[in-house]
């Protein structure tokens, strides 16, 4: 992808710009780790389990607390999927990707801070509301963040840049995670009245970290590099922008096939990431400290996995690397069904960490390679990627919760996710583009 029009506006592969772009992964990944994967789910489970009962009353319905949590996540991603195409069309038409990204960052960060006030089951409505808004802020910001990738580096650096971004996210999130654990485990030394108070304070830290470090890319990334000069009703023009991009997908069958394949396998990937902690608490009855250690294992090997699979894509092509990871994901789901001990759980966590970083970074880079050469509608094209991303989470988390509710076992839910990985693998093999297959002429990292 030549990106000639971009080159006229900004210097591609500028180290300062690329480093600033990395820092948003550093900024937002603390939400994924602390709020999504580790401390908040454990805190939520403790607050909503009263007298040994995990049943909660919400909007007139009695549900298992873990089922309510999975449904709340599904709802948040459904909201994002509904509004992002329209907003990305407006962003492309006006050239204001960064302004939209800022809006979602502030929404997400302030919602994390709001979780501080979720101190009792009587505030369940507030905890669920803040969880939903934080999730919307996180997912909403990513579509505009991802859209900067083709504007800051040349195609031969997509894989490496995407992988390094995810690696920075893993490093930053582990640093804050360690700080949070020190506060929680030594709450008396830090003058907190209880472990719960210290835990809620960590939600404040997440919001402040997210918003604070996001100021770095906001200060460096350039707005409106195509010198868009919007006139008239920007909302209707934004709608026409996304319609234009939607119709153009018919001319790029490989891009369309990839999106469908991504929808299926990402349903499994993201569901595991969001609900693995609840699997540990409900199925294996692991203590909080052991669950936290599991999450740290995933983070520490995640950066290594992102680098390893970027090298594999260099040697064998993106398609081979993605299919290889999907085979491993299937083995993880089957292994989870039969897991009975904490050490088996740790082993699975190590494998998940390796392939989690790899599949997320390579999926983003692969989509960038398949986008039309020289396009100026990066946000609109990435909105289709992120809508697919969010809808896949809706389907994955909802089906996971539904099967858990019907069968009464998360083991069955975990095993069911294998279907998503197999479907994604089959569909991915139908993508023929040389840019993601092993090809001497394909420009790889």
Foldseek 3Di string as FASTA:
>chain_A
DALPLLVVQDPAPDVLLLVLLLLLLLQQLLCLQCVQFALVVVLQQVQCQDPNAQWAADPNDIDRSLLVLLLLLLVLLVVLLVCQLLVLLLCLQQQALLVQLLVLLLQLLVLLLQLLPVQHSVCVVSNSVSSSSNSNSSLRNVLSSLLCLVSHHPLLCLLVSLLSSNLSNLVSNLVLLVVLVVCLVPVVVVPDPHSSNSSSVSSNVSSCSNNVSNVSSSVPDDTNSSVNDDDDDSSVSSVVSLVVVVVCVVVQVLLVLLLVLCLLLLLLLVLCSRCVLVQCCPPQVDDSVLSSVLSNLLSVLLSVLSVVLLVVCVVWFQLVSLLVLLVVLLVLLLLSLVDHDSVSVSVSSNSSSNSSSNNVSSSSSVSVVSPDPNDSSSSSSSSSNSSSSSVSNSVNSNQLSVCCVVVVHSSVSSNVSNVSSVSSSVSSVPNDDPLGGDDPPHSHD
